[in-house]
Amino acid sequence: MSLAQQINLIVEQMPEKKQILLLELVKTMVSPDDILSDEDITDIEQARAEFARGEFVRHEDINWN
């Protein structure tokens, strides 16, 4: 069972009043930088596909001077 599933199971067992409090707490812990946009997800998928095809430059092949 994933961590998210475990959290969900526990939260579902809590009284609604506590769920509301927990929701407000969690909102304070999430920044907009933590949330991926659809464009971010597409870019990540594209990068993974390129990497799988061997389309990358190794760190040691870059002239950093």
PDB file of N, CA and C in Angstrom:
ATOM      1  N   MET A   1       0.859  -1.169   0.000  1.00  0.00           N
ATOM      2  CA  MET A   1       0.000   0.000   0.000  1.00  0.00           C
ATOM      3  C   MET A   1       0.909   1.237   0.000  1.00  0.00           C
ATOM      4  N   SER A   2       0.630   2.167  -0.889  1.00  0.00           N
ATOM      5  CA  SER A   2       1.451   3.380  -0.981  1.00  0.00           C
ATOM      6  C   SER A   2       1.232   4.273   0.234  1.00  0.00           C
ATOM      7  N   LEU A   3       2.136   5.192   0.414  1.00  0.00           N
ATOM      8  CA  LEU A   3       2.028   6.143   1.515  1.00  0.00           C
ATOM      9  C   LEU A   3       0.755   6.974   1.383  1.00  0.00           C
ATOM     10  N   ALA A   4       0.458   7.435   0.173  1.00  0.00           N
ATOM     11  CA  ALA A   4      -0.753   8.228  -0.051  1.00  0.00           C
ATOM     12  C   ALA A   4      -2.008   7.422   0.298  1.00  0.00           C
ATOM     13  N   GLN A   5      -2.008   6.136  -0.032  1.00  0.00           N
ATOM     14  CA  GLN A   5      -3.159   5.292   0.294  1.00  0.00           C
ATOM     15  C   GLN A   5      -3.291   5.122   1.805  1.00  0.00           C
ATOM     16  N   GLN A   6      -2.172   4.979   2.490  1.00  0.00           N
ATOM     17  CA  GLN A   6      -2.199   4.843   3.943  1.00  0.00           C
ATOM     18  C   GLN A   6      -2.743   6.111   4.601  1.00  0.00           C
ATOM     19  N   ILE A   7      -2.277   7.250   4.122  1.00  0.00           N
ATOM     20  CA  ILE A   7      -2.763   8.526   4.657  1.00  0.00           C
ATOM     21  C   ILE A   7      -4.255   8.661   4.417  1.00  0.00           C
ATOM     22  N   ASN A   8      -4.681   8.341   3.210  1.00  0.00           N
ATOM     23  CA  ASN A   8      -6.091   8.434   2.851  1.00  0.00           C
ATOM     24  C   ASN A   8      -6.949   7.549   3.755  1.00  0.00           C
ATOM     25  N   LEU A   9      -6.476   6.341   4.014  1.00  0.00           N
ATOM     26  CA  LEU A   9      -7.220   5.409   4.864  1.00  0.00           C
ATOM     27  C   LEU A   9      -7.386   5.976   6.276  1.00  0.00           C
ATOM     28  N   ILE A  10      -6.322   6.529   6.818  1.00  0.00           N
ATOM     29  CA  ILE A  10      -6.379   7.101   8.161  1.00  0.00           C
ATOM     30  C   ILE A  10      -7.315   8.303   8.198  1.00  0.00           C
ATOM     31  N   VAL A  11      -7.186   9.190   7.205  1.00  0.00           N
ATOM     32  CA  VAL A  11      -8.014  10.401   7.174  1.00  0.00           C
ATOM     33  C   VAL A  11      -9.485  10.045   7.044  1.00  0.00           C
ATOM     34  N   GLU A  12      -9.798   9.044   6.245  1.00  0.00           N
ATOM     35  CA  GLU A  12     -11.197   8.628   6.077  1.00  0.00           C
ATOM     36  C   GLU A  12     -11.811   8.148   7.386  1.00  0.00           C
ATOM     37  N   GLN A  13     -10.998   7.677   8.303  1.00  0.00           N
ATOM     38  CA  GLN A  13     -11.498   7.182   9.584  1.00  0.00           C
ATOM     39  C   GLN A  13     -11.672   8.295  10.620  1.00  0.00           C
ATOM     40  N   MET A  14     -11.155   9.476  10.307  1.00  0.00           N
ATOM     41  CA  MET A  14     -11.244  10.603  11.255  1.00  0.00           C
ATOM     42  C   MET A  14     -12.619  11.261  11.164  1.00  0.00           C
ATOM     43  N   PRO A  15     -13.068  11.857  12.255  1.00  0.00           N
ATOM     44  CA  PRO A  15     -14.312  12.634  12.193  1.00  0.00           C
ATOM     45  C   PRO A  15     -14.127  13.825  11.240  1.00  0.00           C
ATOM     46  N   GLU A  16     -15.224  14.237  10.609  1.00  0.00           N
ATOM     47  CA  GLU A  16     -15.145  15.303   9.608  1.00  0.00           C
ATOM     48  C   GLU A  16     -14.542  16.582  10.181  1.00  0.00           C
ATOM     49  N   LYS A  17     -14.834  16.895  11.416  1.00  0.00           N
ATOM     50  CA  LYS A  17     -14.302  18.106  12.046  1.00  0.00           C
ATOM     51  C   LYS A  17     -12.771  18.086  12.044  1.00  0.00           C
ATOM     52  N   LYS A  18     -12.207  16.935  12.345  1.00  0.00           N
ATOM     53  CA  LYS A  18     -10.752  16.810  12.334  1.00  0.00           C
ATOM     54  C   LYS A  18     -10.205  16.790  10.901  1.00  0.00           C
ATOM     55  N   GLN A  19     -10.968  16.247   9.978  1.00  0.00           N
ATOM     56  CA  GLN A  19     -10.547  16.258   8.568  1.00  0.00           C
ATOM     57  C   GLN A  19     -10.421  17.694   8.062  1.00  0.00           C
ATOM     58  N   ILE A  20     -11.378  18.540   8.440  1.00  0.00           N
ATOM     59  CA  ILE A  20     -11.339  19.947   8.021  1.00  0.00           C
ATOM     60  C   ILE A  20     -10.094  20.625   8.591  1.00  0.00           C
ATOM     61  N   LEU A  21      -9.804  20.377   9.854  1.00  0.00           N
ATOM     62  CA  LEU A  21      -8.618  20.938  10.487  1.00  0.00           C
ATOM     63  C   LEU A  21      -7.352  20.441   9.781  1.00  0.00           C
ATOM     64  N   LEU A  22      -7.316  19.164   9.485  1.00  0.00           N
ATOM     65  CA  LEU A  22      -6.162  18.586   8.805  1.00  0.00           C
ATOM     66  C   LEU A  22      -5.993  19.187   7.412  1.00  0.00           C
ATOM     67  N   LEU A  23      -7.078  19.393   6.704  1.00  0.00           N
ATOM     68  CA  LEU A  23      -7.024  20.000   5.381  1.00  0.00           C
ATOM     69  C   LEU A  23      -6.390  21.389   5.454  1.00  0.00           C
ATOM     70  N   GLU A  24      -6.804  22.185   6.426  1.00  0.00           N
ATOM     71  CA  GLU A  24      -6.246  23.528   6.576  1.00  0.00           C
ATOM     72  C   GLU A  24      -4.756  23.467   6.902  1.00  0.00           C
ATOM     73  N   LEU A  25      -4.358  22.512   7.723  1.00  0.00           N
ATOM     74  CA  LEU A  25      -2.949  22.334   8.055  1.00  0.00           C
ATOM     75  C   LEU A  25      -2.142  21.950   6.814  1.00  0.00           C
ATOM     76  N   VAL A  26      -2.644  21.009   6.061  1.00  0.00           N
ATOM     77  CA  VAL A  26      -1.939  20.545   4.863  1.00  0.00           C
ATOM     78  C   VAL A  26      -1.802  21.680   3.847  1.00  0.00           C
ATOM     79  N   LYS A  27      -2.828  22.504   3.714  1.00  0.00           N
ATOM     80  CA  LYS A  27      -2.767  23.634   2.784  1.00  0.00           C
ATOM     81  C   LYS A  27      -1.598  24.556   3.115  1.00  0.00           C
ATOM     82  N   THR A  28      -1.293  24.715   4.396  1.00  0.00           N
ATOM     83  CA  THR A  28      -0.181  25.588   4.782  1.00  0.00           C
ATOM     84  C   THR A  28       1.167  24.962   4.460  1.00  0.00           C
ATOM     85  N   MET A  29       1.192  23.662   4.255  1.00  0.00           N
ATOM     86  CA  MET A  29       2.442  22.951   4.005  1.00  0.00           C
ATOM     87  C   MET A  29       2.783  22.833   2.520  1.00  0.00           C
ATOM     88  N   VAL A  30       1.842  23.142   1.655  1.00  0.00           N
ATOM     89  CA  VAL A  30       2.038  22.986   0.217  1.00  0.00           C
ATOM     90  C   VAL A  30       2.254  24.357  -0.399  1.00  0.00           C
ATOM     91  N   SER A  31       3.349  24.476  -1.138  1.00  0.00           N
ATOM     92  CA  SER A  31       3.597  25.737  -1.831  1.00  0.00           C
ATOM     93  C   SER A  31       3.260  25.542  -3.307  1.00  0.00           C
ATOM     94  N   PRO A  32       3.001  26.615  -4.024  1.00  0.00           N
ATOM     95  CA  PRO A  32       2.722  26.487  -5.467  1.00  0.00           C
ATOM     96  C   PRO A  32       3.865  25.815  -6.215  1.00  0.00           C
ATOM     97  N   ASP A  33       5.085  25.912  -5.685  1.00  0.00           N
ATOM     98  CA  ASP A  33       6.234  25.273  -6.338  1.00  0.00           C
ATOM     99  C   ASP A  33       6.192  23.755  -6.223  1.00  0.00           C
ATOM    100  N   ASP A  34       5.385  23.233  -5.302  1.00  0.00           N
ATOM    101  CA  ASP A  34       5.285  21.787  -5.106  1.00  0.00           C
ATOM    102  C   ASP A  34       4.299  21.132  -6.071  1.00  0.00           C
ATOM    103  N   ILE A  35       3.516  21.934  -6.756  1.00  0.00           N
ATOM    104  CA  ILE A  35       2.450  21.407  -7.604  1.00  0.00           C
ATOM    105  C   ILE A  35       2.870  21.472  -9.063  1.00  0.00           C
ATOM    106  N   LEU A  36       2.824  20.346  -9.742  1.00  0.00           N
ATOM    107  CA  LEU A  36       3.206  20.288 -11.147  1.00  0.00           C
ATOM    108  C   LEU A  36       2.037  20.675 -12.034  1.00  0.00           C
ATOM    109  N   SER A  37       2.329  21.485 -13.037  1.00  0.00           N
ATOM    110  CA  SER A  37       1.312  21.830 -14.026  1.00  0.00           C
ATOM    111  C   SER A  37       1.267  20.732 -15.082  1.00  0.00           C
ATOM    112  N   ASP A  38       0.250  20.766 -15.929  1.00  0.00           N
ATOM    113  CA  ASP A  38       0.166  19.805 -17.030  1.00  0.00           C
ATOM    114  C   ASP A  38       1.388  19.936 -17.936  1.00  0.00           C
ATOM    115  N   GLU A  39       1.849  21.168 -18.134  1.00  0.00           N
ATOM    116  CA  GLU A  39       3.032  21.409 -18.963  1.00  0.00           C
ATOM    117  C   GLU A  39       4.276  20.798 -18.315  1.00  0.00           C
ATOM    118  N   ASP A  40       4.401  20.921 -16.995  1.00  0.00           N
ATOM    119  CA  ASP A  40       5.521  20.311 -16.279  1.00  0.00           C
ATOM    120  C   ASP A  40       5.532  18.800 -16.479  1.00  0.00           C
ATOM    121  N   ILE A  41       4.381  18.190 -16.328  1.00  0.00           N
ATOM    122  CA  ILE A  41       4.267  16.733 -16.473  1.00  0.00           C
ATOM    123  C   ILE A  41       4.639  16.304 -17.886  1.00  0.00           C
ATOM    124  N   THR A  42       4.168  17.042 -18.884  1.00  0.00           N
ATOM    125  CA  THR A  42       4.500  16.742 -20.278  1.00  0.00           C
ATOM    126  C   THR A  42       6.000  16.857 -20.506  1.00  0.00           C
ATOM    127  N   ASP A  43       6.610  17.918 -19.977  1.00  0.00           N
ATOM    128  CA  ASP A  43       8.055  18.113 -20.132  1.00  0.00           C
ATOM    129  C   ASP A  43       8.839  16.980 -19.479  1.00  0.00           C
ATOM    130  N   ILE A  44       8.420  16.551 -18.306  1.00  0.00           N
ATOM    131  CA  ILE A  44       9.096  15.455 -17.607  1.00  0.00           C
ATOM    132  C   ILE A  44       8.978  14.160 -18.399  1.00  0.00           C
ATOM    133  N   GLU A  45       7.790  13.878 -18.905  1.00  0.00           N
ATOM    134  CA  GLU A  45       7.594  12.663 -19.711  1.00  0.00           C
ATOM    135  C   GLU A  45       8.464  12.700 -20.961  1.00  0.00           C
ATOM    136  N   GLN A  46       8.544  13.870 -21.600  1.00  0.00           N
ATOM    137  CA  GLN A  46       9.368  14.014 -22.801  1.00  0.00           C
ATOM    138  C   GLN A  46      10.844  13.807 -22.469  1.00  0.00           C
ATOM    139  N   ALA A  47      11.294  14.381 -21.367  1.00  0.00           N
ATOM    140  CA  ALA A  47      12.691  14.229 -20.955  1.00  0.00           C
ATOM    141  C   ALA A  47      13.021  12.770 -20.649  1.00  0.00           C
ATOM    142  N   ARG A  48      12.110  12.077 -20.000  1.00  0.00           N
ATOM    143  CA  ARG A  48      12.341  10.660 -19.701  1.00  0.00           C
ATOM    144  C   ARG A  48      12.424   9.832 -20.973  1.00  0.00           C
ATOM    145  N   ALA A  49      11.573  10.151 -21.946  1.00  0.00           N
ATOM    146  CA  ALA A  49      11.590   9.431 -23.223  1.00  0.00           C
ATOM    147  C   ALA A  49      12.907   9.704 -23.956  1.00  0.00           C
ATOM    148  N   GLU A  50      13.357  10.950 -23.956  1.00  0.00           N
ATOM    149  CA  GLU A  50      14.628  11.288 -24.601  1.00  0.00           C
ATOM    150  C   GLU A  50      15.779  10.558 -23.925  1.00  0.00           C
ATOM    151  N   PHE A  51      15.775  10.521 -22.618  1.00  0.00           N
ATOM    152  CA  PHE A  51      16.821   9.819 -21.881  1.00  0.00           C
ATOM    153  C   PHE A  51      16.810   8.331 -22.223  1.00  0.00           C
ATOM    154  N   ALA A  52      15.625   7.745 -22.297  1.00  0.00           N
ATOM    155  CA  ALA A  52      15.505   6.314 -22.619  1.00  0.00           C
ATOM    156  C   ALA A  52      16.046   6.016 -24.014  1.00  0.00           C
ATOM    157  N   ARG A  53      15.945   6.985 -24.914  1.00  0.00           N
ATOM    158  CA  ARG A  53      16.474   6.817 -26.279  1.00  0.00           C
ATOM    159  C   ARG A  53      17.966   7.138 -26.359  1.00  0.00           C
ATOM    160  N   GLY A  54      18.558   7.506 -25.240  1.00  0.00           N
ATOM    161  CA  GLY A  54      19.984   7.824 -25.220  1.00  0.00           C
ATOM    162  C   GLY A  54      20.291   9.246 -25.652  1.00  0.00           C
ATOM    163  N   GLU A  55      19.298  10.085 -25.696  1.00  0.00           N
ATOM    164  CA  GLU A  55      19.474  11.476 -26.113  1.00  0.00           C
ATOM    165  C   GLU A  55      19.789  12.342 -24.893  1.00  0.00           C
ATOM    166  N   PHE A  56      21.057  12.306 -24.496  1.00  0.00           N
ATOM    167  CA  PHE A  56      21.490  13.098 -23.349  1.00  0.00           C
ATOM    168  C   PHE A  56      22.976  13.359 -23.460  1.00  0.00           C
ATOM    169  N   VAL A  57      23.458  14.301 -22.678  1.00  0.00           N
ATOM    170  CA  VAL A  57      24.877  14.613 -22.610  1.00  0.00           C
ATOM    171  C   VAL A  57      25.337  14.291 -21.193  1.00  0.00           C
ATOM    172  N   ARG A  58      26.399  13.509 -21.109  1.00  0.00           N
ATOM    173  CA  ARG A  58      26.921  13.145 -19.797  1.00  0.00           C
ATOM    174  C   ARG A  58      27.604  14.346 -19.147  1.00  0.00           C
ATOM    175  N   HIS A  59      27.528  14.413 -17.856  1.00  0.00           N
ATOM    176  CA  HIS A  59      28.115  15.513 -17.092  1.00  0.00           C
ATOM    177  C   HIS A  59      29.605  15.666 -17.408  1.00  0.00           C
ATOM    178  N   GLU A  60      30.313  14.562 -17.471  1.00  0.00           N
ATOM    179  CA  GLU A  60      31.769  14.618 -17.698  1.00  0.00           C
ATOM    180  C   GLU A  60      32.117  15.023 -19.130  1.00  0.00           C
ATOM    181  N   ASP A  61      31.161  15.005 -20.036  1.00  0.00           N
ATOM    182  CA  ASP A  61      31.412  15.415 -21.418  1.00  0.00           C
ATOM    183  C   ASP A  61      31.268  16.919 -21.636  1.00  0.00           C
ATOM    184  N   ILE A  62      30.849  17.642 -20.610  1.00  0.00           N
ATOM    185  CA  ILE A  62      30.659  19.086 -20.723  1.00  0.00           C
ATOM    186  C   ILE A  62      31.936  19.802 -20.301  1.00  0.00           C
ATOM    187  N   ASN A  63      32.374  20.762 -21.117  1.00  0.00           N
ATOM    188  CA  ASN A  63      33.533  21.581 -20.782  1.00  0.00           C
ATOM    189  C   ASN A  63      33.048  22.741 -19.933  1.00  0.00           C
ATOM    190  N   TRP A  64      33.243  22.657 -18.638  1.00  0.00           N
ATOM    191  CA  TRP A  64      32.743  23.652 -17.700  1.00  0.00           C
ATOM    192  C   TRP A  64      33.650  24.868 -17.587  1.00  0.00           C
ATOM    193  N   ASN A  65      34.735  24.913 -18.348  1.00  0.00           N
ATOM    194  CA  ASN A  65      35.664  26.062 -18.269  1.00  0.00           C
ATOM    195  C   ASN A  65      35.260  27.166 -19.189  1.00  0.00           C
TER     196      ASN A  65
END
